[in-house]
Amino acid sequence: MNNFAEWIETRNKNWSNPVGFLSVTSINWLSEDPQTFTDVTGKWWAIGHEVYTDGFEGQGEQHWTVKVRDEFTVPMTGGVLEIASRGGQIVLRPRHSDSPALKAFKGISVFEYDPAYAVVAELVEVESNIAVTSSAGDLGISYDSPGKLVFDLHGERVELTAFTRPDPAVLWIIFRDGSSGKSTYGTGRSVSAKKREDGKWDIDFNLSSNFPCSYTDFATCPMAPRENHLTVAIEAGEKTPEFRNTLEGVVPQGY
């Protein structure tokens, strides 16, 4: 339970970040034609992964090179500007520390801790590379998988494809379940598996986390691969957020 309280505190700190995802006020895909946007100064365009601006923060022409699938931020009045490579295109995401979504955030909504959702899994090893679509469509993303984590939950045999992390003692899972689109966000959530001394893996679904796309239209989050769409309901971890950040403003959401 102490770990659960610490996890909630960490998640709240993450969402409250003054230049985190709740500070994003728009997502803008650049082209070779100069464009202007209401929430960032200057004209912007991109040729391949070369990004150009004229008039940003009252300055003249500036230029950056963005590495493929990389991102960085530059300071601007009231926050930072994220410049990112997604699916071979360049994205601008202004991050304003006074954004309406940040003001609306009062803490994550979670289920009560239920030890029944802390399971022990075995890894069935089949190495592969899995294509994963995003909330913004196919961005050419794929992840390496060491195989499937297999366990029992509510009398059902469950198999979930897991993805490798830099730490070999941790695996990452993106999943949908029977609660998705009801009490939890529709496109799914993520959870980590931690390796035990006996070679099995601990998965605590009470620590299931929402992606930024659960809160905002201005994210490009990975979506659960088809094989990780479960019928069993996992009513543990983060619930559907109470609001959503859209071009029309912050609106209530829920199921």
C-alpha atoms as a PDB file:
ATOM      1  CA  MET A   1       0.000   0.000   0.000  1.00  0.00           C
ATOM      2  CA  ASN A   2       2.891   2.397   0.716  1.00  0.00           C
ATOM      3  CA  ASN A   3       4.137   1.801  -2.839  1.00  0.00           C
ATOM      4  CA  PHE A   4       0.634   2.587  -4.088  1.00  0.00           C
ATOM      5  CA  ALA A   5       0.544   5.923  -2.241  1.00  0.00           C
ATOM      6  CA  GLU A   6       4.014   6.784  -3.549  1.00  0.00           C
ATOM      7  CA  TRP A   7       2.925   5.871  -7.074  1.00  0.00           C
ATOM      8  CA  ILE A   8      -0.118   8.183  -6.819  1.00  0.00           C
ATOM      9  CA  GLU A   9       2.118  10.991  -5.557  1.00  0.00           C
ATOM     10  CA  THR A  10       4.541  10.442  -8.433  1.00  0.00           C
ATOM     11  CA  ARG A  11       1.739  10.382 -11.010  1.00  0.00           C
ATOM     12  CA  ASN A  12       0.216  13.584  -9.621  1.00  0.00           C
ATOM     13  CA  LYS A  13       3.628  15.247  -9.724  1.00  0.00           C
ATOM     14  CA  ASN A  14       4.071  14.094 -13.331  1.00  0.00           C
ATOM     15  CA  TRP A  15       0.714  15.478 -14.489  1.00  0.00           C
ATOM     16  CA  SER A  16       1.267  18.729 -12.535  1.00  0.00           C
ATOM     17  CA  ASN A  17       4.563  19.478 -14.293  1.00  0.00           C
ATOM     18  CA  PRO A  18       4.298  23.137 -15.413  1.00  0.00           C
ATOM     19  CA  VAL A  19       5.800  22.201 -18.789  1.00  0.00           C
ATOM     20  CA  GLY A  20       4.391  18.644 -18.948  1.00  0.00           C
ATOM     21  CA  PHE A  21       1.675  17.300 -21.231  1.00  0.00           C
ATOM     22  CA  LEU A  22      -1.137  19.193 -19.522  1.00  0.00           C
ATOM     23  CA  SER A  23       0.633  22.429 -20.446  1.00  0.00           C
ATOM     24  CA  VAL A  24       0.455  21.628 -24.197  1.00  0.00           C
ATOM     25  CA  THR A  25      -2.006  23.975 -25.916  1.00  0.00           C
ATOM     26  CA  SER A  26      -1.864  22.638 -29.494  1.00  0.00           C
ATOM     27  CA  ILE A  27      -0.160  20.174 -31.822  1.00  0.00           C
ATOM     28  CA  ASN A  28       1.053  21.604 -35.134  1.00  0.00           C
ATOM     29  CA  TRP A  29       2.472  19.585 -38.044  1.00  0.00           C
ATOM     30  CA  LEU A  30       4.914  21.628 -40.093  1.00  0.00           C
ATOM     31  CA  SER A  31       5.219  21.674 -43.872  1.00  0.00           C
ATOM     32  CA  GLU A  32       7.536  23.481 -46.271  1.00  0.00           C
ATOM     33  CA  ASP A  33       5.067  26.376 -46.394  1.00  0.00           C
ATOM     34  CA  PRO A  34       5.483  28.930 -43.581  1.00  0.00           C
ATOM     35  CA  GLN A  35       2.652  28.824 -41.041  1.00  0.00           C
ATOM     36  CA  THR A  36       1.642  30.892 -38.023  1.00  0.00           C
ATOM     37  CA  PHE A  37      -0.085  29.645 -34.876  1.00  0.00           C
ATOM     38  CA  THR A  38      -2.040  31.446 -32.193  1.00  0.00           C
ATOM     39  CA  ASP A  39      -0.086  30.091 -29.204  1.00  0.00           C
ATOM     40  CA  VAL A  40       3.514  30.533 -30.394  1.00  0.00           C
ATOM     41  CA  THR A  41       5.134  33.541 -32.037  1.00  0.00           C
ATOM     42  CA  GLY A  42       6.731  33.638 -35.475  1.00  0.00           C
ATOM     43  CA  LYS A  43       6.350  31.868 -38.790  1.00  0.00           C
ATOM     44  CA  TRP A  44       7.351  28.187 -38.921  1.00  0.00           C
ATOM     45  CA  TRP A  45       8.266  25.699 -41.632  1.00  0.00           C
ATOM     46  CA  ALA A  46      10.324  22.536 -42.091  1.00  0.00           C
ATOM     47  CA  ILE A  47      12.279  20.973 -44.932  1.00  0.00           C
ATOM     48  CA  GLY A  48      12.792  17.357 -43.985  1.00  0.00           C
ATOM     49  CA  HIS A  49      14.101  17.451 -40.424  1.00  0.00           C
ATOM     50  CA  GLU A  50      15.434  20.997 -40.745  1.00  0.00           C
ATOM     51  CA  VAL A  51      13.175  23.397 -38.829  1.00  0.00           C
ATOM     52  CA  TYR A  52      13.036  27.117 -39.569  1.00  0.00           C
ATOM     53  CA  THR A  53      11.337  30.054 -37.899  1.00  0.00           C
ATOM     54  CA  ASP A  54      11.207  33.793 -38.430  1.00  0.00           C
ATOM     55  CA  GLY A  55       9.974  36.049 -35.625  1.00  0.00           C
ATOM     56  CA  PHE A  56       9.931  33.501 -32.788  1.00  0.00           C
ATOM     57  CA  GLU A  57      10.178  35.441 -29.507  1.00  0.00           C
ATOM     58  CA  GLY A  58      10.764  38.633 -31.496  1.00  0.00           C
ATOM     59  CA  GLN A  59      13.961  37.336 -33.074  1.00  0.00           C
ATOM     60  CA  GLY A  60      14.955  36.935 -36.698  1.00  0.00           C
ATOM     61  CA  GLU A  61      15.320  33.711 -38.646  1.00  0.00           C
ATOM     62  CA  GLN A  62      16.444  30.699 -36.589  1.00  0.00           C
ATOM     63  CA  HIS A  63      17.159  27.096 -37.534  1.00  0.00           C
ATOM     64  CA  TRP A  64      17.342  23.714 -35.784  1.00  0.00           C
ATOM     65  CA  THR A  65      18.060  20.160 -36.921  1.00  0.00           C
ATOM     66  CA  VAL A  66      15.869  17.489 -35.344  1.00  0.00           C
ATOM     67  CA  LYS A  67      17.049  13.889 -35.109  1.00  0.00           C
ATOM     68  CA  VAL A  68      14.599  11.241 -36.323  1.00  0.00           C
ATOM     69  CA  ARG A  69      12.102  10.330 -33.542  1.00  0.00           C
ATOM     70  CA  ASP A  70      13.794  12.782 -31.200  1.00  0.00           C
ATOM     71  CA  GLU A  71      12.467  15.899 -29.484  1.00  0.00           C
ATOM     72  CA  PHE A  72      13.747  18.877 -27.554  1.00  0.00           C
ATOM     73  CA  THR A  73      12.402  22.097 -26.071  1.00  0.00           C
ATOM     74  CA  VAL A  74      13.417  25.726 -26.429  1.00  0.00           C
ATOM     75  CA  PRO A  75      12.475  28.474 -23.958  1.00  0.00           C
ATOM     76  CA  MET A  76       9.625  30.838 -24.766  1.00  0.00           C
ATOM     77  CA  THR A  77       7.608  33.375 -22.854  1.00  0.00           C
ATOM     78  CA  GLY A  78       5.422  31.580 -20.308  1.00  0.00           C
ATOM     79  CA  GLY A  79       6.804  28.103 -20.917  1.00  0.00           C
ATOM     80  CA  VAL A  80       8.699  26.118 -23.527  1.00  0.00           C
ATOM     81  CA  LEU A  81       8.220  25.053 -27.134  1.00  0.00           C
ATOM     82  CA  GLU A  82       8.596  21.360 -27.948  1.00  0.00           C
ATOM     83  CA  ILE A  83      10.014  20.551 -31.387  1.00  0.00           C
ATOM     84  CA  ALA A  84       9.668  16.855 -32.208  1.00  0.00           C
ATOM     85  CA  SER A  85      10.054  14.305 -34.995  1.00  0.00           C
ATOM     86  CA  ARG A  86       7.024  12.032 -35.311  1.00  0.00           C
ATOM     87  CA  GLY A  87       6.396   9.681 -38.223  1.00  0.00           C
ATOM     88  CA  GLY A  88       8.898  11.476 -40.437  1.00  0.00           C
ATOM     89  CA  GLN A  89       7.250  14.862 -39.832  1.00  0.00           C
ATOM     90  CA  ILE A  90       8.040  17.761 -37.534  1.00  0.00           C
ATOM     91  CA  VAL A  91       5.623  18.693 -34.766  1.00  0.00           C
ATOM     92  CA  LEU A  92       5.469  21.882 -32.706  1.00  0.00           C
ATOM     93  CA  ARG A  93       3.811  21.675 -29.278  1.00  0.00           C
ATOM     94  CA  PRO A  94       3.723  24.933 -27.293  1.00  0.00           C
ATOM     95  CA  ARG A  95       3.753  24.272 -23.540  1.00  0.00           C
ATOM     96  CA  HIS A  96       2.285  27.074 -21.435  1.00  0.00           C
ATOM     97  CA  SER A  97       2.536  26.894 -17.643  1.00  0.00           C
ATOM     98  CA  ASP A  98      -0.796  28.742 -17.302  1.00  0.00           C
ATOM     99  CA  SER A  99      -2.713  26.354 -19.579  1.00  0.00           C
ATOM    100  CA  PRO A 100      -6.394  25.677 -18.735  1.00  0.00           C
ATOM    101  CA  ALA A 101      -5.727  21.927 -18.501  1.00  0.00           C
ATOM    102  CA  LEU A 102      -3.076  22.405 -15.820  1.00  0.00           C
ATOM    103  CA  LYS A 103      -5.474  24.598 -13.870  1.00  0.00           C
ATOM    104  CA  ALA A 104      -8.208  21.955 -14.181  1.00  0.00           C
ATOM    105  CA  PHE A 105      -6.047  19.089 -12.884  1.00  0.00           C
ATOM    106  CA  LYS A 106      -6.885  18.210  -9.260  1.00  0.00           C
ATOM    107  CA  GLY A 107      -5.176  14.803  -9.067  1.00  0.00           C
ATOM    108  CA  ILE A 108      -5.576  11.452 -10.789  1.00  0.00           C
ATOM    109  CA  SER A 109      -8.695   9.317 -10.401  1.00  0.00           C
ATOM    110  CA  VAL A 110      -7.826   5.779  -9.283  1.00  0.00           C
ATOM    111  CA  PHE A 111      -9.479   2.579  -8.133  1.00  0.00           C
ATOM    112  CA  GLU A 112      -8.958   1.455  -4.557  1.00  0.00           C
ATOM    113  CA  TYR A 113      -5.959  -0.839  -4.209  1.00  0.00           C
ATOM    114  CA  ASP A 114      -6.948  -4.479  -4.802  1.00  0.00           C
ATOM    115  CA  PRO A 115      -4.310  -7.159  -4.131  1.00  0.00           C
ATOM    116  CA  ALA A 116      -6.118  -9.492  -6.561  1.00  0.00           C
ATOM    117  CA  TYR A 117      -4.636  -7.387  -9.384  1.00  0.00           C
ATOM    118  CA  ALA A 118      -1.042  -8.007  -8.278  1.00  0.00           C
ATOM    119  CA  VAL A 119      -0.104 -11.136 -10.225  1.00  0.00           C
ATOM    120  CA  VAL A 120       2.918 -13.313 -10.889  1.00  0.00           C
ATOM    121  CA  ALA A 121       3.582 -14.126 -14.552  1.00  0.00           C
ATOM    122  CA  GLU A 122       5.853 -16.416 -16.516  1.00  0.00           C
ATOM    123  CA  LEU A 123       7.625 -15.209 -19.634  1.00  0.00           C
ATOM    124  CA  VAL A 124       7.161 -17.383 -22.719  1.00  0.00           C
ATOM    125  CA  GLU A 125      10.115 -16.282 -24.801  1.00  0.00           C
ATOM    126  CA  VAL A 126       9.553 -15.564 -28.492  1.00  0.00           C
ATOM    127  CA  GLU A 127      11.644 -12.623 -29.646  1.00  0.00           C
ATOM    128  CA  SER A 128      10.006 -10.314 -32.175  1.00  0.00           C
ATOM    129  CA  ASN A 129       9.596  -6.722 -33.230  1.00  0.00           C
ATOM    130  CA  ILE A 130       6.009  -5.468 -32.943  1.00  0.00           C
ATOM    131  CA  ALA A 131       4.568  -2.574 -34.958  1.00  0.00           C
ATOM    132  CA  VAL A 132       2.522  -0.258 -32.730  1.00  0.00           C
ATOM    133  CA  THR A 133       0.115   2.369 -34.056  1.00  0.00           C
ATOM    134  CA  SER A 134      -0.496   5.675 -32.291  1.00  0.00           C
ATOM    135  CA  SER A 135      -3.406   7.948 -31.445  1.00  0.00           C
ATOM    136  CA  ALA A 136      -2.238  10.058 -34.413  1.00  0.00           C
ATOM    137  CA  GLY A 137      -2.191   7.083 -36.806  1.00  0.00           C
ATOM    138  CA  ASP A 138       0.690   4.967 -38.067  1.00  0.00           C
ATOM    139  CA  LEU A 139       3.897   6.804 -37.198  1.00  0.00           C
ATOM    140  CA  GLY A 140       6.206   3.907 -38.041  1.00  0.00           C
ATOM    141  CA  ILE A 141       6.750   2.922 -34.388  1.00  0.00           C
ATOM    142  CA  SER A 142       7.830  -0.565 -33.366  1.00  0.00           C
ATOM    143  CA  TYR A 143       9.148  -2.110 -30.159  1.00  0.00           C
ATOM    144  CA  ASP A 144      11.280  -5.163 -29.438  1.00  0.00           C
ATOM    145  CA  SER A 145       9.501  -7.916 -27.522  1.00  0.00           C
ATOM    146  CA  PRO A 146      11.087 -10.847 -25.667  1.00  0.00           C
ATOM    147  CA  GLY A 147       7.772 -12.740 -25.664  1.00  0.00           C
ATOM    148  CA  LYS A 148       4.510 -13.028 -23.752  1.00  0.00           C
ATOM    149  CA  LEU A 149       3.831 -12.768 -20.024  1.00  0.00           C
ATOM    150  CA  VAL A 150       1.326 -15.438 -19.019  1.00  0.00           C
ATOM    151  CA  PHE A 151      -0.740 -15.498 -15.806  1.00  0.00           C
ATOM    152  CA  ASP A 152      -4.229 -16.172 -14.394  1.00  0.00           C
ATOM    153  CA  LEU A 153      -6.652 -13.384 -13.490  1.00  0.00           C
ATOM    154  CA  HIS A 154     -10.241 -13.845 -12.327  1.00  0.00           C
ATOM    155  CA  GLY A 155     -10.117 -17.453 -13.480  1.00  0.00           C
ATOM    156  CA  GLU A 156      -8.960 -16.489 -16.991  1.00  0.00           C
ATOM    157  CA  ARG A 157      -5.660 -17.391 -18.585  1.00  0.00           C
ATOM    158  CA  VAL A 158      -4.138 -14.105 -19.778  1.00  0.00           C
ATOM    159  CA  GLU A 159      -1.292 -13.543 -22.235  1.00  0.00           C
ATOM    160  CA  LEU A 160       0.255 -10.132 -22.820  1.00  0.00           C
ATOM    161  CA  THR A 161       3.017  -9.229 -25.248  1.00  0.00           C
ATOM    162  CA  ALA A 162       5.698  -7.342 -23.331  1.00  0.00           C
ATOM    163  CA  PHE A 163       8.296  -4.890 -24.588  1.00  0.00           C
ATOM    164  CA  THR A 164      11.916  -4.533 -23.540  1.00  0.00           C
ATOM    165  CA  ARG A 165      13.219  -1.586 -21.527  1.00  0.00           C
ATOM    166  CA  PRO A 166      16.770  -0.332 -20.973  1.00  0.00           C
ATOM    167  CA  ASP A 167      16.687  -2.162 -17.621  1.00  0.00           C
ATOM    168  CA  PRO A 168      16.648  -5.934 -18.379  1.00  0.00           C
ATOM    169  CA  ALA A 169      14.807  -6.541 -15.080  1.00  0.00           C
ATOM    170  CA  VAL A 170      11.820  -4.489 -16.311  1.00  0.00           C
ATOM    171  CA  LEU A 171       9.342  -5.135 -19.124  1.00  0.00           C
ATOM    172  CA  TRP A 172       6.689  -2.742 -20.414  1.00  0.00           C
ATOM    173  CA  ILE A 173       3.101  -3.662 -21.310  1.00  0.00           C
ATOM    174  CA  ILE A 174       0.540  -1.641 -23.279  1.00  0.00           C
ATOM    175  CA  PHE A 175      -2.936  -3.139 -22.898  1.00  0.00           C
ATOM    176  CA  ARG A 176      -6.670  -2.672 -23.335  1.00  0.00           C
ATOM    177  CA  ASP A 177      -9.115  -4.626 -21.210  1.00  0.00           C
ATOM    178  CA  GLY A 178     -12.803  -5.092 -20.474  1.00  0.00           C
ATOM    179  CA  SER A 179     -12.936  -1.789 -18.582  1.00  0.00           C
ATOM    180  CA  SER A 180     -11.514   0.265 -21.474  1.00  0.00           C
ATOM    181  CA  GLY A 181     -14.060   2.766 -22.758  1.00  0.00           C
ATOM    182  CA  LYS A 182     -16.084   2.276 -19.577  1.00  0.00           C
ATOM    183  CA  SER A 183     -14.353   3.082 -16.303  1.00  0.00           C
ATOM    184  CA  THR A 184     -10.892   3.404 -17.890  1.00  0.00           C
ATOM    185  CA  TYR A 185      -9.669   5.245 -20.980  1.00  0.00           C
ATOM    186  CA  GLY A 186     -10.623   3.646 -24.286  1.00  0.00           C
ATOM    187  CA  THR A 187      -7.282   3.271 -26.055  1.00  0.00           C
ATOM    188  CA  GLY A 188      -5.611   1.529 -23.134  1.00  0.00           C
ATOM    189  CA  ARG A 189      -3.011   1.979 -20.421  1.00  0.00           C
ATOM    190  CA  SER A 190       0.482   0.768 -19.566  1.00  0.00           C
ATOM    191  CA  VAL A 191       2.063  -1.144 -16.691  1.00  0.00           C
ATOM    192  CA  SER A 192       5.533  -2.466 -15.903  1.00  0.00           C
ATOM    193  CA  ALA A 193       6.568  -6.018 -15.028  1.00  0.00           C
ATOM    194  CA  LYS A 194       9.516  -6.551 -12.680  1.00  0.00           C
ATOM    195  CA  LYS A 195      11.680  -9.660 -12.686  1.00  0.00           C
ATOM    196  CA  ARG A 196      11.787 -11.757  -9.524  1.00  0.00           C
ATOM    197  CA  GLU A 197      14.714 -13.735  -8.160  1.00  0.00           C
ATOM    198  CA  ASP A 198      12.973 -16.966  -9.207  1.00  0.00           C
ATOM    199  CA  GLY A 199      12.846 -15.800 -12.847  1.00  0.00           C
ATOM    200  CA  LYS A 200       9.118 -15.023 -12.836  1.00  0.00           C
ATOM    201  CA  TRP A 201       7.669 -11.531 -13.201  1.00  0.00           C
ATOM    202  CA  ASP A 202       5.591  -9.364 -10.854  1.00  0.00           C
ATOM    203  CA  ILE A 203       2.855  -7.283 -12.477  1.00  0.00           C
ATOM    204  CA  ASP A 204       0.812  -4.959 -10.260  1.00  0.00           C
ATOM    205  CA  PHE A 205      -2.117  -3.677 -12.298  1.00  0.00           C
ATOM    206  CA  ASN A 206      -2.941  -1.287  -9.460  1.00  0.00           C
ATOM    207  CA  LEU A 207      -0.098   0.757 -10.947  1.00  0.00           C
ATOM    208  CA  SER A 208      -1.620   0.879 -14.447  1.00  0.00           C
ATOM    209  CA  SER A 209      -0.962   4.318 -15.919  1.00  0.00           C
ATOM    210  CA  ASN A 210      -2.778   6.501 -18.420  1.00  0.00           C
ATOM    211  CA  PHE A 211      -1.018   7.864 -21.479  1.00  0.00           C
ATOM    212  CA  PRO A 212      -1.170  11.625 -22.181  1.00  0.00           C
ATOM    213  CA  CYS A 213      -3.780  10.999 -24.906  1.00  0.00           C
ATOM    214  CA  SER A 214      -6.244  10.166 -22.124  1.00  0.00           C
ATOM    215  CA  TYR A 215      -6.145  13.866 -21.168  1.00  0.00           C
ATOM    216  CA  THR A 216      -5.405  15.690 -24.395  1.00  0.00           C
ATOM    217  CA  ASP A 217      -5.948  15.728 -28.141  1.00  0.00           C
ATOM    218  CA  PHE A 218      -2.403  17.051 -28.512  1.00  0.00           C
ATOM    219  CA  ALA A 219      -0.510  13.775 -27.952  1.00  0.00           C
ATOM    220  CA  THR A 220       0.760  10.927 -30.166  1.00  0.00           C
ATOM    221  CA  CYS A 221       0.510   8.007 -27.740  1.00  0.00           C
ATOM    222  CA  PRO A 222       1.146   4.345 -28.584  1.00  0.00           C
ATOM    223  CA  MET A 223      -1.926   2.118 -28.715  1.00  0.00           C
ATOM    224  CA  ALA A 224      -2.202  -1.425 -27.416  1.00  0.00           C
ATOM    225  CA  PRO A 225      -1.351  -4.029 -30.072  1.00  0.00           C
ATOM    226  CA  ARG A 226      -4.240  -6.279 -31.073  1.00  0.00           C
ATOM    227  CA  GLU A 227      -2.887  -9.250 -29.113  1.00  0.00           C
ATOM    228  CA  ASN A 228      -3.042  -7.156 -25.920  1.00  0.00           C
ATOM    229  CA  HIS A 229      -6.783  -6.468 -26.157  1.00  0.00           C
ATOM    230  CA  LEU A 230      -8.186  -8.389 -23.196  1.00  0.00           C
ATOM    231  CA  THR A 231     -11.773  -9.363 -22.437  1.00  0.00           C
ATOM    232  CA  VAL A 232     -11.219  -9.499 -18.670  1.00  0.00           C
ATOM    233  CA  ALA A 233     -11.887  -6.189 -16.902  1.00  0.00           C
ATOM    234  CA  ILE A 234      -8.911  -4.782 -15.011  1.00  0.00           C
ATOM    235  CA  GLU A 235     -10.516  -2.217 -12.707  1.00  0.00           C
ATOM    236  CA  ALA A 236      -7.268  -1.132 -11.101  1.00  0.00           C
ATOM    237  CA  GLY A 237      -4.909   1.801 -11.512  1.00  0.00           C
ATOM    238  CA  GLU A 238      -5.833   5.057 -13.216  1.00  0.00           C
ATOM    239  CA  LYS A 239      -9.428   5.661 -14.289  1.00  0.00           C
ATOM    240  CA  THR A 240     -10.637   7.829 -17.170  1.00  0.00           C
ATOM    241  CA  PRO A 241      -9.639  11.448 -16.420  1.00  0.00           C
ATOM    242  CA  GLU A 242     -12.461  13.822 -15.557  1.00  0.00           C
ATOM    243  CA  PHE A 243     -11.613  16.274 -18.338  1.00  0.00           C
ATOM    244  CA  ARG A 244     -10.049  16.474 -21.781  1.00  0.00           C
ATOM    245  CA  ASN A 245      -7.986  19.227 -23.403  1.00  0.00           C
ATOM    246  CA  THR A 246      -9.214  20.000 -26.926  1.00  0.00           C
ATOM    247  CA  LEU A 247      -9.007  22.769 -29.520  1.00  0.00           C
ATOM    248  CA  GLU A 248     -12.374  23.926 -28.165  1.00  0.00           C
ATOM    249  CA  GLY A 249     -10.948  24.091 -24.647  1.00  0.00           C
ATOM    250  CA  VAL A 250     -11.111  21.869 -21.579  1.00  0.00           C
ATOM    251  CA  VAL A 251     -14.246  19.712 -21.659  1.00  0.00           C
ATOM    252  CA  PRO A 252     -15.627  17.090 -19.220  1.00  0.00           C
ATOM    253  CA  GLN A 253     -15.206  13.459 -20.145  1.00  0.00           C
ATOM    254  CA  GLY A 254     -16.115  10.113 -18.645  1.00  0.00           C
ATOM    255  CA  TYR A 255     -18.046   6.964 -19.339  1.00  0.00           C
END
